[in-house]
């Protein structure tokens, strides 16, 4: 196993050397670590919070969508592509579908706390409130991550908690590690690696407490290292949030939203095939704009024969769940109407990867919510929009990336020697906010960014004029971020989160301005129709000469098996 060493020759900071560096200690990061370690390479996981409690799984609903061996892969890919409005990368979707069952089975074989049936096998559920044709498995949210952390440690994976990674290290166009700092003592950490896997989640803009640690630092670091991004315009997931409560409503509850006239908004706007948040939330906005608001969740209208299915057993009422919050508040949602408002979840996850989850930069892989949209797995669907997809993708992508990264170790050569002058520059840049005696505090910066990404008028119901206004304002905020001021290393972490959040907001707005149609979670008032003639294209972003270059790439739709109905009938052909 590689040993840590104190920096020599005047290099600032503490140098750690490893074969495979994994940035992020949520479910995708820990699974990738266990899987890579099985190949006997040295593995290090670095997490700004705590590995095993990081990420969204500890507060998730406990569902993983499952494709079983009995399911028809072609039929499922067809379903999956349609849910993603035909913007999915079908090569990637097929690769994921073929690994799907085995990836979830591997998790169960490791002994993860996944629910068992009477025969001792994995219990497969069919949920009529999502899509009854395909299965789910369930896990206990509070137990699965500590279990996986323990398994990772037992296998020899090294774990470093409380380190904020700020930038990736590159040499000759290849990622060779990362640099960051300990948020407790402020010490610089320099990590040399033969292969690096980003598992640092999406950017959720700190709006929801459930996702408060996801600020897009991994996405920003990949972009700054030259990685290409894809599908950023769809990183604007809104869900039905409960006003005055830090909670949201989904599952069977999503069928019982009513306007002020008592009309069922869910039935009016929800697609018949699957629970998909965006159409319902757009419908809520339309109802309110038409004077039929506010919108209420009214579970008193649930038929008597379904009441027992609305609230899960008490064993599944875990901290941060819908029911736990109302139990603590002394409120019974079964008898109390609750006002529902469009609430930003974010889920900006645009790092482009191939079928082994390699980014476009050598030496760098991206898994889980850092690449959920960028992989093309979901098409236009942000990770929170269809239950069970996000965690399934986290598991599958980790299982895809880990063997690929481990193989790369053998031909990557020894971890590169690091340039002392460059490290000195990075140290100065990273710690600059601590050197100031006044300036913009990070919490103020968060508010300035949230004022642009949260409002419906900028990020849900879009137009050219408002997107240009949002871009003008976010660029102004980015200028103000040069004066960020931190009093301690914890606030320093927030400074770097704010910088990443502002950059991610710019990505979303620039990509949304480029796509002159409406598709999936991207709705343009000035282009309200889906345009398969001109927009079966991916919007891509890349850093060139310090600026964000926006372009579009025609999808290889002609070679794909599944096409929009208009193309199947020959009425329309994609633009050349």
Protein backbone atom coordinates (compact mmCIF):
# COMPACT_ATOMS: atom_id res chain seq x y z
CA UNK A 1 0.00 0.00 0.00
CA UNK A 2 1.20 3.52 -0.78
CA UNK A 3 2.34 5.61 2.20
CA UNK A 4 1.66 9.26 2.93
CA UNK A 5 4.68 11.55 2.91
CA UNK A 6 5.41 15.07 4.01
CA UNK A 7 6.11 17.40 1.09
CA UNK A 8 9.76 17.86 0.22
CA UNK A 9 11.86 20.41 -1.69
CA UNK A 10 9.81 23.29 -0.39
CA UNK A 11 6.49 22.07 -1.84
CA UNK A 12 3.64 23.53 0.22
CA UNK A 13 1.33 21.05 1.91
CA UNK A 14 0.98 17.37 2.69
CA UNK A 15 1.34 14.96 -0.22
CA UNK A 16 -0.62 11.70 -0.40
CA UNK A 17 0.04 9.16 -3.16
CA UNK A 18 -2.39 6.50 -4.38
CA UNK A 19 -3.28 4.42 -7.41
CA UNK A 20 -6.98 5.35 -7.62
CA UNK A 21 -8.29 8.54 -6.05
CA UNK A 22 -12.05 8.75 -5.51
CA UNK A 23 -13.45 12.18 -4.73
CA UNK A 24 -16.76 11.81 -2.91
CA UNK A 25 -17.94 9.38 -0.24
CA UNK A 26 -21.59 8.83 -1.18
CA UNK A 27 -22.92 5.56 -2.54
CA UNK A 28 -21.25 5.78 -5.97
CA UNK A 29 -17.88 6.71 -4.47
CA UNK A 30 -17.87 3.93 -1.86
CA UNK A 31 -19.07 1.29 -4.34
CA UNK A 32 -16.37 2.36 -6.81
CA UNK A 33 -13.80 2.12 -4.02
CA UNK A 34 -14.82 -1.41 -3.00
CA UNK A 35 -14.97 -2.57 -6.60
CA UNK A 36 -11.59 -1.05 -7.52
CA UNK A 37 -9.97 -2.46 -4.39
CA UNK A 38 -11.06 -5.96 -5.46
CA UNK A 39 -8.47 -5.64 -8.26
CA UNK A 40 -5.77 -5.11 -5.58
CA UNK A 41 -4.88 -1.52 -6.51
CA UNK A 42 -4.43 1.07 -3.77
CA UNK A 43 -7.60 3.14 -3.33
CA UNK A 44 -8.15 6.40 -1.47
CA UNK A 45 -11.56 8.02 -0.89
CA UNK A 46 -11.61 11.73 -0.02
CA UNK A 47 -14.82 13.37 1.21
CA UNK A 48 -15.54 16.89 2.50
CA UNK A 49 -18.15 15.52 4.93
CA UNK A 50 -17.97 11.94 6.24
CA UNK A 51 -17.63 8.88 4.03
CA UNK A 52 -20.62 6.67 4.75
CA UNK A 53 -22.89 9.58 5.69
CA UNK A 54 -22.25 11.73 2.64
CA UNK A 55 -24.43 12.01 -0.43
CA UNK A 56 -28.18 11.74 -0.71
CA UNK A 57 -28.78 8.08 0.09
CA UNK A 58 -28.94 8.48 3.92
CA UNK A 59 -31.97 10.74 3.42
CA UNK A 60 -33.36 9.01 0.31
CA UNK A 61 -36.57 7.08 -0.10
CA UNK A 62 -34.94 3.65 -0.15
CA UNK A 63 -35.92 2.70 -3.71
CA UNK A 64 -33.61 1.44 -6.45
CA UNK A 65 -35.20 0.80 -9.84
CA UNK A 66 -34.29 -2.67 -11.12
CA UNK A 67 -34.13 -4.30 -14.53
CA UNK A 68 -34.42 -8.05 -13.95
CA UNK A 69 -33.16 -10.89 -16.20
CA UNK A 70 -36.80 -11.59 -17.08
CA UNK A 71 -37.31 -8.08 -18.44
CA UNK A 72 -36.79 -7.43 -22.13
CA UNK A 73 -33.81 -5.08 -22.55
CA UNK A 74 -35.01 -3.68 -25.87
CA UNK A 75 -38.42 -2.95 -24.40
CA UNK A 76 -36.87 -1.25 -21.39
CA UNK A 77 -34.49 0.88 -23.46
CA UNK A 78 -37.45 1.96 -25.59
CA UNK A 79 -39.30 2.99 -22.40
CA UNK A 80 -36.20 4.69 -21.03
CA UNK A 81 -35.56 6.65 -24.23
CA UNK A 82 -39.17 7.82 -24.39
CA UNK A 83 -39.04 9.01 -20.77
CA UNK A 84 -35.92 10.99 -21.71
CA UNK A 85 -37.66 12.63 -24.69
CA UNK A 86 -35.36 10.83 -27.17
CA UNK A 87 -32.28 12.78 -26.07
CA UNK A 88 -30.63 9.81 -24.36
CA UNK A 89 -27.35 8.30 -25.51
CA UNK A 90 -28.65 4.89 -26.52
CA UNK A 91 -25.17 3.34 -26.59
CA UNK A 92 -24.78 4.26 -22.93
CA UNK A 93 -28.32 3.22 -22.01
CA UNK A 94 -27.81 -0.24 -23.53
CA UNK A 95 -24.46 -0.60 -21.73
CA UNK A 96 -26.11 0.34 -18.43
CA UNK A 97 -29.11 -1.94 -19.05
CA UNK A 98 -26.84 -4.93 -19.63
CA UNK A 99 -25.03 -4.22 -16.33
CA UNK A 100 -28.13 -3.23 -14.36
CA UNK A 101 -29.19 -6.45 -12.67
CA UNK A 102 -25.66 -7.68 -12.05
CA UNK A 103 -24.70 -4.35 -10.46
CA UNK A 104 -27.59 -4.46 -7.98
CA UNK A 105 -26.97 -8.18 -7.35
CA UNK A 106 -23.32 -7.41 -6.57
CA UNK A 107 -24.48 -4.90 -3.97
CA UNK A 108 -26.71 -7.56 -2.40
CA UNK A 109 -23.92 -10.18 -2.59
CA UNK A 110 -21.67 -7.85 -0.60
CA UNK A 111 -24.24 -8.08 2.17
CA UNK A 112 -25.68 -4.59 1.86
CA UNK A 113 -28.97 -4.22 3.82
CA UNK A 114 -31.34 -4.75 0.90
CA UNK A 115 -34.74 -6.21 1.76
CA UNK A 116 -35.02 -9.98 1.42
CA UNK A 117 -37.96 -12.22 0.54
CA UNK A 118 -39.07 -15.27 2.53
CA UNK A 119 -36.63 -17.49 0.63
CA UNK A 120 -33.68 -15.26 1.53
CA UNK A 121 -33.31 -13.73 -1.93
CA UNK A 122 -33.59 -10.07 -2.86
CA UNK A 123 -37.21 -8.88 -2.67
CA UNK A 124 -38.37 -7.34 -5.95
CA UNK A 125 -41.28 -4.93 -5.65
CA UNK A 126 -43.71 -3.75 -8.30
CA UNK A 127 -45.01 -0.29 -7.48
CA UNK A 128 -48.23 0.71 -9.29
CA UNK A 129 -47.71 4.38 -8.41
CA UNK A 130 -44.52 4.58 -10.45
CA UNK A 131 -44.40 2.16 -13.37
CA UNK A 132 -45.70 -1.30 -12.61
CA UNK A 133 -43.90 -3.04 -15.51
CA UNK A 134 -40.47 -2.73 -13.90
CA UNK A 135 -39.23 -3.67 -10.49
CA UNK A 136 -37.63 -1.98 -7.51
CA UNK A 137 -35.55 -3.18 -4.62
CA UNK A 138 -35.69 -1.46 -1.26
CA UNK A 139 -32.96 -0.72 1.25
CA UNK A 140 -32.81 0.87 4.69
CA UNK A 141 -31.44 4.40 4.09
CA UNK A 142 -29.85 4.79 7.51
CA UNK A 143 -27.95 1.50 7.34
CA UNK A 144 -26.66 0.94 3.81
CA UNK A 145 -23.97 3.63 3.77
CA UNK A 146 -22.35 2.80 7.15
CA UNK A 147 -22.33 -0.84 6.04
CA UNK A 148 -20.55 0.00 2.77
CA UNK A 149 -18.04 2.23 4.56
CA UNK A 150 -17.22 -0.67 6.88
CA UNK A 151 -16.79 -3.04 3.96
CA UNK A 152 -14.56 -0.55 2.17
CA UNK A 153 -12.32 -0.16 5.24
CA UNK A 154 -12.16 -3.91 5.77
CA UNK A 155 -11.00 -4.37 2.18
CA UNK A 156 -8.13 -1.94 2.63
CA UNK A 157 -9.61 1.22 1.13
CA UNK A 158 -8.10 4.32 2.72
CA UNK A 159 -10.57 6.98 3.81
CA UNK A 160 -9.91 10.66 4.42
CA UNK A 161 -12.83 12.69 5.78
CA UNK A 162 -13.24 16.47 6.05
CA UNK A 163 -11.18 17.40 2.99
CA UNK A 164 -12.58 19.84 0.44
CA UNK A 165 -11.12 19.15 -3.02
CA UNK A 166 -10.81 22.42 -4.94
CA UNK A 167 -8.96 21.62 -8.17
CA UNK A 168 -7.75 18.66 -10.18
CA UNK A 169 -4.06 18.42 -10.95
CA UNK A 170 -3.15 18.02 -14.62
CA UNK A 171 0.05 17.32 -16.51
CA UNK A 172 0.28 17.14 -20.29
CA UNK A 173 -3.51 17.07 -20.58
CA UNK A 174 -3.95 14.18 -18.12
CA UNK A 175 -5.48 14.38 -14.65
CA UNK A 176 -2.89 13.21 -12.12
CA UNK A 177 -4.59 13.92 -8.82
CA UNK A 178 -6.19 16.74 -6.90
CA UNK A 179 -5.53 19.48 -4.38
CA UNK A 180 -7.67 20.64 -1.48
CA UNK A 181 -7.60 21.37 2.25
CA UNK A 182 -8.77 19.96 5.55
CA UNK A 183 -11.84 21.89 6.68
CA UNK A 184 -11.02 21.30 10.36
CA UNK A 185 -7.37 22.42 10.61
CA UNK A 186 -6.96 24.19 7.25
CA UNK A 187 -3.98 22.11 6.13
CA UNK A 188 -3.28 21.79 2.40
CA UNK A 189 -3.74 18.31 0.93
CA UNK A 190 -2.07 17.33 -2.35
CA UNK A 191 -3.01 13.94 -3.78
CA UNK A 192 -1.08 12.25 -6.57
CA UNK A 193 -2.97 9.50 -8.38
CA UNK A 194 -2.71 7.34 -11.48
CA UNK A 195 -6.51 7.45 -11.96
CA UNK A 196 -9.15 9.76 -10.49
CA UNK A 197 -12.89 9.09 -10.15
CA UNK A 198 -15.22 12.01 -9.45
CA UNK A 199 -18.13 10.88 -7.26
CA UNK A 200 -18.86 14.27 -5.74
CA UNK A 201 -22.54 14.51 -6.71
CA UNK A 202 -24.45 17.15 -8.65
CA UNK A 203 -25.00 20.82 -7.94
CA UNK A 204 -28.20 21.31 -5.98
CA UNK A 205 -27.52 24.94 -5.03
CA UNK A 206 -28.07 24.43 -1.28
CA UNK A 207 -31.78 25.12 -1.67
CA UNK A 208 -33.07 21.90 -0.10
CA UNK A 209 -31.66 20.83 3.27
CA UNK A 210 -31.81 17.26 1.99
CA UNK A 211 -29.14 18.06 -0.62
CA UNK A 212 -27.29 20.88 1.15
CA UNK A 213 -23.77 19.49 0.65
CA UNK A 214 -24.04 19.29 -3.14
CA UNK A 215 -22.57 22.48 -4.56
CA UNK A 216 -20.97 21.28 -7.80
CA UNK A 217 -17.31 21.46 -6.83
CA UNK A 218 -16.53 18.26 -8.75
CA UNK A 219 -18.33 19.55 -11.83
CA UNK A 220 -16.44 22.84 -11.63
CA UNK A 221 -13.10 21.06 -11.20
CA UNK A 222 -13.76 18.79 -14.20
CA UNK A 223 -14.76 21.78 -16.35
CA UNK A 224 -11.63 23.69 -15.30
CA UNK A 225 -9.51 20.65 -16.17
CA UNK A 226 -10.91 20.69 -19.72
CA UNK A 227 -13.69 18.08 -19.50
CA UNK A 228 -16.64 18.42 -21.84
CA UNK A 229 -20.13 18.83 -20.39
CA UNK A 230 -23.43 17.74 -21.92
CA UNK A 231 -27.15 18.33 -21.21
CA UNK A 232 -26.56 21.10 -18.66
CA UNK A 233 -29.86 22.79 -19.57
CA UNK A 234 -31.77 19.95 -17.89
CA UNK A 235 -30.10 20.40 -14.50
CA UNK A 236 -33.06 22.42 -13.21
CA UNK A 237 -35.20 19.81 -11.52
CA UNK A 238 -38.17 21.26 -9.65
CA UNK A 239 -40.41 19.20 -7.43
CA UNK A 240 -43.57 19.77 -5.38
CA UNK A 241 -42.22 21.29 -2.17
CA UNK A 242 -44.40 21.87 0.90
CA UNK A 243 -44.55 25.57 1.75
CA UNK A 244 -43.25 26.46 5.24
CA UNK A 245 -41.81 22.97 5.68
CA UNK A 246 -38.45 21.68 4.51
CA UNK A 247 -40.09 18.74 2.77
CA UNK A 248 -41.43 17.57 -0.56
CA UNK A 249 -44.09 15.16 -1.69
CA UNK A 250 -43.88 12.20 -4.06
CA UNK A 251 -45.04 8.61 -4.53
CA UNK A 252 -48.77 8.01 -4.12
CA UNK A 253 -49.02 11.47 -2.52
CA UNK A 254 -48.19 13.03 -5.90
CA UNK A 255 -51.67 12.02 -7.12
CA UNK A 256 -53.45 14.39 -4.73
CA UNK A 257 -52.54 17.96 -5.63
CA UNK A 258 -55.57 20.27 -5.98
CA UNK A 259 -56.02 23.88 -7.04
CA UNK A 260 -58.11 26.46 -5.18
CA UNK A 261 -61.20 25.32 -7.12
CA UNK A 262 -60.76 21.76 -5.86
CA UNK A 263 -59.64 20.39 -9.25
CA UNK A 264 -57.09 17.59 -9.27
CA UNK A 265 -53.96 19.13 -10.79
CA UNK A 266 -52.08 15.81 -10.69
CA UNK A 267 -54.61 14.11 -12.99
CA UNK A 268 -54.60 17.12 -15.28
CA UNK A 269 -50.84 17.28 -15.87
CA UNK A 270 -49.18 14.04 -14.80
CA UNK A 271 -48.07 11.83 -17.73
CA UNK A 272 -49.99 8.54 -17.71
CA UNK A 273 -46.95 6.25 -17.91
CA UNK A 274 -44.76 7.30 -15.01
CA UNK A 275 -44.41 9.71 -12.12
CA UNK A 276 -42.53 12.60 -13.68
CA UNK A 277 -42.31 15.81 -11.67
CA UNK A 278 -41.63 18.42 -14.32
CA UNK A 279 -44.99 18.38 -16.16
CA UNK A 280 -46.90 18.54 -12.87
CA UNK A 281 -44.79 21.41 -11.49
CA UNK A 282 -45.11 23.31 -14.78
CA UNK A 283 -48.84 22.71 -14.50
CA UNK A 284 -48.85 24.14 -10.98
CA UNK A 285 -47.14 27.29 -12.24
CA UNK A 286 -49.74 27.62 -15.00
CA UNK A 287 -52.63 27.17 -12.56
CA UNK A 288 -51.29 29.85 -10.22
CA UNK A 289 -50.61 32.23 -13.14
CA UNK A 290 -54.22 31.71 -14.27
CA UNK A 291 -55.53 32.71 -10.83
CA UNK A 292 -56.38 29.19 -9.66
CA UNK A 293 -53.78 28.99 -6.92
CA UNK A 294 -52.63 28.18 -4.39
CA UNK A 295 -52.07 24.45 -4.92
CA UNK A 296 -52.65 22.04 -2.02
CA UNK A 297 -51.68 18.51 -1.12
CA UNK A 298 -54.96 17.11 0.21
CA UNK A 299 -54.58 13.53 1.42
CA UNK A 300 -58.07 13.56 2.92
CA UNK A 301 -59.19 12.78 -0.64
CA UNK A 302 -57.30 9.47 -0.69
CA UNK A 303 -59.86 6.62 -1.00
CA UNK A 304 -60.32 4.55 2.14
CA UNK A 305 -58.94 1.40 0.51
CA UNK A 306 -55.63 3.20 -0.22
CA UNK A 307 -55.15 4.93 3.13
CA UNK A 308 -52.94 2.14 4.47
CA UNK A 309 -50.60 2.58 1.51
CA UNK A 310 -50.12 6.33 1.91
CA UNK A 311 -48.03 6.16 5.08
CA UNK A 312 -45.23 3.57 5.21
CA UNK A 313 -44.67 1.39 8.28
CA UNK A 314 -43.08 3.23 11.20
CA UNK A 315 -39.86 1.26 10.60
CA UNK A 316 -39.48 3.18 7.31
CA UNK A 317 -40.16 6.63 8.83
CA UNK A 318 -36.54 7.75 8.98
CA UNK A 319 -35.04 11.19 9.76
CA UNK A 320 -35.64 13.74 6.97
CA UNK A 321 -38.53 11.71 5.56
CA UNK A 322 -41.86 13.37 4.76
CA UNK A 323 -43.63 11.67 7.67
CA UNK A 324 -40.86 12.14 10.24
CA UNK A 325 -40.94 15.92 9.77
CA UNK A 326 -44.69 16.18 10.28
CA UNK A 327 -44.65 13.82 13.25
CA UNK A 328 -42.13 16.16 14.90
CA UNK A 329 -44.26 19.20 14.02
CA UNK A 330 -47.43 17.62 15.37
CA UNK A 331 -49.14 17.90 11.98
CA UNK A 332 -51.16 15.10 10.37
CA UNK A 333 -50.96 15.40 6.55
CA UNK A 334 -53.81 12.89 6.28
CA UNK A 335 -56.20 15.49 7.66
CA UNK A 336 -54.42 18.82 7.07
CA UNK A 337 -54.22 20.50 3.67
CA UNK A 338 -50.64 21.58 2.90
CA UNK A 339 -49.75 24.25 0.36
CA UNK A 340 -47.45 22.99 -2.42
CA UNK A 341 -45.07 25.23 -4.38
CA UNK A 342 -42.48 24.56 -7.13
CA UNK A 343 -39.24 23.82 -5.29
CA UNK A 344 -35.82 23.61 -6.89
CA UNK A 345 -33.96 20.32 -6.39
CA UNK A 346 -31.19 21.23 -8.85
CA UNK A 347 -29.63 17.91 -9.94
CA UNK A 348 -27.16 19.60 -12.31
CA UNK A 349 -24.95 16.65 -13.36
CA UNK A 350 -23.48 17.35 -16.83
CA UNK A 351 -20.00 15.75 -16.94
CA UNK A 352 -19.85 13.84 -20.23
CA UNK A 353 -18.71 10.21 -19.96
CA UNK A 354 -18.51 7.15 -22.20
CA UNK A 355 -19.71 3.59 -21.57
CA UNK A 356 -16.91 3.07 -19.01
CA UNK A 357 -17.67 6.43 -17.36
CA UNK A 358 -14.44 7.97 -18.67
CA UNK A 359 -14.62 11.72 -19.16
CA UNK A 360 -13.14 13.43 -22.21
CA UNK A 361 -9.96 14.13 -20.19
CA UNK A 362 -7.48 11.23 -19.79
CA UNK A 363 -7.08 9.99 -16.25
CA UNK A 364 -10.52 11.16 -15.11
CA UNK A 365 -13.80 9.22 -14.61
CA UNK A 366 -17.12 10.56 -13.29
CA UNK A 367 -19.89 8.53 -11.63
CA UNK A 368 -23.18 9.01 -9.82
CA UNK A 369 -24.81 12.41 -9.78
CA UNK A 370 -21.76 14.15 -11.23
CA UNK A 371 -22.46 12.56 -14.64
CA UNK A 372 -26.10 11.43 -14.53
CA UNK A 373 -27.19 13.87 -17.24
CA UNK A 374 -23.83 14.09 -18.99
CA UNK A 375 -23.72 10.34 -19.61
CA UNK A 376 -26.90 10.52 -21.67
CA UNK A 377 -28.40 7.83 -19.42
CA UNK A 378 -31.42 9.95 -18.56
CA UNK A 379 -31.90 12.10 -21.64
CA UNK A 380 -33.78 15.15 -20.39
CA UNK A 381 -34.68 13.75 -16.96
CA UNK A 382 -32.83 15.10 -13.90
CA UNK A 383 -31.95 12.51 -11.29
CA UNK A 384 -34.82 13.23 -8.89
CA UNK A 385 -37.57 13.27 -11.50
CA UNK A 386 -38.26 9.52 -11.84
CA UNK A 387 -38.07 7.47 -8.62
CA UNK A 388 -35.30 4.90 -8.49
CA UNK A 389 -33.25 6.12 -11.48
CA UNK A 390 -30.67 8.23 -9.62
CA UNK A 391 -29.55 5.57 -7.16
CA UNK A 392 -29.64 2.87 -9.84
CA UNK A 393 -27.38 5.05 -11.99
CA UNK A 394 -25.06 5.67 -9.02
CA UNK A 395 -24.63 1.93 -8.47
CA UNK A 396 -24.28 1.00 -12.16
CA UNK A 397 -21.88 3.83 -13.07
CA UNK A 398 -19.63 3.00 -10.09
CA UNK A 399 -19.51 -0.64 -11.19
CA UNK A 400 -18.68 0.50 -14.75
CA UNK A 401 -15.96 2.98 -13.81
CA UNK A 402 -14.04 1.13 -11.12
CA UNK A 403 -12.62 -1.71 -13.28
CA UNK A 404 -11.77 0.76 -16.05
CA UNK A 405 -9.92 3.09 -13.67
CA UNK A 406 -8.14 0.15 -12.03
CA UNK A 407 -6.95 -1.12 -15.42
CA UNK A 408 -5.64 2.34 -16.26
CA UNK A 409 -3.32 2.16 -13.25
CA UNK A 410 -1.17 -0.44 -15.00
CA UNK A 411 -0.38 1.79 -17.98
CA UNK A 412 -0.48 5.22 -16.32
CA UNK A 413 3.03 4.90 -14.93
CA UNK A 414 4.18 6.22 -11.59
CA UNK A 415 2.21 9.15 -10.14
CA UNK A 416 3.63 12.30 -11.66
CA UNK A 417 6.05 14.56 -9.87
CA UNK A 418 4.33 17.84 -9.13
CA UNK A 419 5.56 21.26 -10.13
CA UNK A 420 6.54 23.22 -7.02
CA UNK A 421 5.73 26.61 -8.53
CA UNK A 422 2.28 25.41 -9.63
CA UNK A 423 1.56 24.04 -6.17
CA UNK A 424 2.57 27.36 -4.64
CA UNK A 425 0.17 29.13 -6.99
CA UNK A 426 -2.64 26.74 -6.10
CA UNK A 427 -2.00 27.24 -2.39
CA UNK A 428 -2.18 31.00 -2.79
CA UNK A 429 -5.43 30.74 -4.78
CA UNK A 430 -7.08 28.28 -2.41
CA UNK A 431 -6.33 30.24 0.75
CA UNK A 432 -6.80 33.76 -0.63
CA UNK A 433 -10.14 34.37 1.21
CA UNK A 434 -8.38 33.76 4.54
CA UNK A 435 -5.87 36.50 3.79
CA UNK A 436 -8.55 39.21 3.58
CA UNK A 437 -9.81 41.18 6.58
CA UNK A 438 -13.20 41.93 4.99
CA UNK A 439 -15.25 41.22 1.90
CA UNK A 440 -18.20 39.16 0.69
CA UNK A 441 -19.06 36.39 3.15
CA UNK A 442 -20.03 33.07 1.53
CA UNK A 443 -23.58 32.97 2.93
CA UNK A 444 -24.26 36.27 1.16
CA UNK A 445 -22.86 34.75 -2.03
CA UNK A 446 -25.18 31.74 -1.70
CA UNK A 447 -28.19 34.06 -1.46
CA UNK A 448 -27.13 36.01 -4.55
CA UNK A 449 -26.83 32.79 -6.57
CA UNK A 450 -30.05 31.28 -5.22
CA UNK A 451 -31.93 34.46 -6.15
CA UNK A 452 -31.16 33.55 -9.77
CA UNK A 453 -31.46 29.75 -9.87
CA UNK A 454 -34.52 29.35 -7.64
CA UNK A 455 -37.16 31.62 -9.23
CA UNK A 456 -39.53 29.96 -11.67
CA UNK A 457 -39.17 32.87 -14.11
CA UNK A 458 -35.47 32.15 -14.69
CA UNK A 459 -35.09 28.41 -14.32
CA UNK A 460 -38.43 26.66 -14.90
CA UNK A 461 -40.46 28.85 -17.27
CA UNK A 462 -37.68 30.31 -19.41
CA UNK A 463 -37.36 32.85 -22.21
CA UNK A 464 -34.49 34.44 -24.14
CA UNK A 465 -34.93 37.76 -22.39
CA UNK A 466 -34.96 36.29 -18.88
CA UNK A 467 -32.09 33.88 -19.54
CA UNK A 468 -29.96 36.75 -20.80
CA UNK A 469 -30.90 38.73 -17.69
CA UNK A 470 -29.95 35.77 -15.48
CA UNK A 471 -26.60 35.41 -17.28
CA UNK A 472 -25.87 39.12 -16.88
CA UNK A 473 -26.61 38.89 -13.17
CA UNK A 474 -24.66 35.68 -12.56
CA UNK A 475 -21.61 37.17 -14.28
CA UNK A 476 -21.95 40.17 -11.96
CA UNK A 477 -22.05 37.80 -8.97
CA UNK A 478 -18.96 36.00 -10.26
CA UNK A 479 -17.15 39.33 -10.31
CA UNK A 480 -18.11 39.90 -6.68
CA UNK A 481 -16.79 36.45 -5.72
CA UNK A 482 -13.22 37.73 -6.19
CA UNK A 483 -13.68 39.47 -2.83
CA UNK A 484 -14.87 36.41 -0.89
CA UNK A 485 -13.76 36.54 2.72
CA UNK A 486 -13.38 33.61 5.13
CA UNK A 487 -12.72 33.82 8.87
CA UNK A 488 -11.80 30.14 9.23
CA UNK A 489 -11.31 26.96 7.21
CA UNK A 490 -15.01 26.03 7.42
CA UNK A 491 -15.99 29.33 5.81
CA UNK A 492 -13.17 28.79 3.31
CA UNK A 493 -14.95 25.61 2.21
CA UNK A 494 -18.12 27.66 1.69
CA UNK A 495 -16.17 30.16 -0.44
CA UNK A 496 -15.16 27.40 -2.84
CA UNK A 497 -18.69 26.01 -2.81
CA UNK A 498 -20.01 29.44 -3.80
CA UNK A 499 -17.56 29.71 -6.70
CA UNK A 500 -18.60 26.27 -7.97
CA UNK A 501 -22.31 27.07 -7.59
CA UNK A 502 -21.99 30.29 -9.59
CA UNK A 503 -20.13 28.48 -12.35
CA UNK A 504 -22.78 25.73 -12.44
CA UNK A 505 -25.53 28.34 -12.67
CA UNK A 506 -23.76 29.88 -15.66
CA UNK A 507 -23.57 26.45 -17.31
CA UNK A 508 -27.31 25.90 -16.94
CA UNK A 509 -28.29 29.33 -18.26
CA UNK A 510 -25.91 29.24 -21.23
CA UNK A 511 -27.06 25.79 -22.30
CA UNK A 512 -30.72 26.74 -21.83
CA UNK A 513 -30.26 29.84 -23.98
CA UNK A 514 -28.75 27.69 -26.74
CA UNK A 515 -31.66 25.20 -26.90
CA UNK A 516 -34.46 26.98 -28.76
CA UNK A 517 -37.22 24.45 -28.07
CA UNK A 518 -39.00 22.90 -25.07
CA UNK A 519 -38.08 19.34 -24.07
CA UNK A 520 -38.16 17.54 -20.74
CA UNK A 521 -37.39 19.82 -17.79
CA UNK A 522 -36.33 22.58 -20.21
CA UNK A 523 -39.34 24.78 -21.04
CA UNK A 524 -39.05 27.91 -23.18
CA UNK A 525 -42.06 30.22 -23.31
CA UNK A 526 -40.75 31.64 -26.57
CA UNK A 527 -40.26 28.13 -28.06
CA UNK A 528 -43.00 26.06 -26.36
CA UNK A 529 -42.94 23.03 -28.69
CA UNK A 530 -40.54 20.12 -28.94
CA UNK A 531 -38.61 20.38 -32.22
CA UNK A 532 -37.33 17.01 -33.45
CA UNK A 533 -36.35 18.47 -36.80
CA UNK A 534 -33.71 20.84 -35.45
CA UNK A 535 -33.08 19.77 -31.87
CA UNK A 536 -32.25 16.09 -31.75
CA UNK A 537 -28.94 17.55 -30.65
CA UNK A 538 -26.87 17.65 -27.47
CA UNK A 539 -25.80 21.04 -26.14
CA UNK A 540 -22.16 20.82 -25.04
CA UNK A 541 -19.98 23.12 -22.96
CA UNK A 542 -16.20 23.32 -22.75
CA UNK A 543 -13.67 25.75 -21.32
CA UNK A 544 -11.55 27.37 -24.02
CA UNK A 545 -9.11 30.19 -23.38
CA UNK A 546 -10.76 30.91 -20.05
CA UNK A 547 -14.29 31.21 -21.43
CA UNK A 548 -17.29 28.89 -21.64
CA UNK A 549 -17.75 27.71 -25.22
CA UNK A 550 -21.29 26.56 -26.06
CA UNK A 551 -22.04 24.37 -29.07
CA UNK A 552 -24.49 21.71 -30.20
CA UNK A 553 -23.80 18.25 -31.54
CA UNK A 554 -26.18 16.29 -33.72
CA UNK A 555 -27.13 13.02 -32.08
CA UNK A 556 -26.38 9.85 -34.09
CA UNK A 557 -30.13 9.26 -34.16
CA UNK A 558 -29.98 7.50 -37.54
CA UNK A 559 -27.94 4.65 -36.06
CA UNK A 560 -30.03 4.40 -32.89
CA UNK A 561 -32.71 1.75 -32.64
CA UNK A 562 -35.38 3.95 -31.10
CA UNK A 563 -36.52 7.15 -32.78
CA UNK A 564 -39.38 9.63 -32.31
CA UNK A 565 -42.63 8.63 -34.00
CA UNK A 566 -42.23 11.31 -36.65
CA UNK A 567 -38.90 9.82 -37.74
CA UNK A 568 -40.22 6.28 -37.71
CA UNK A 569 -42.97 7.29 -40.12
CA UNK A 570 -40.56 9.22 -42.32
CA UNK A 571 -42.37 12.52 -41.85
CA UNK A 572 -39.34 14.28 -40.42
CA UNK A 573 -35.61 13.85 -40.62
CA UNK A 574 -33.03 15.31 -38.32
CA UNK A 575 -31.24 18.40 -39.44
CA UNK A 576 -27.92 17.76 -41.15
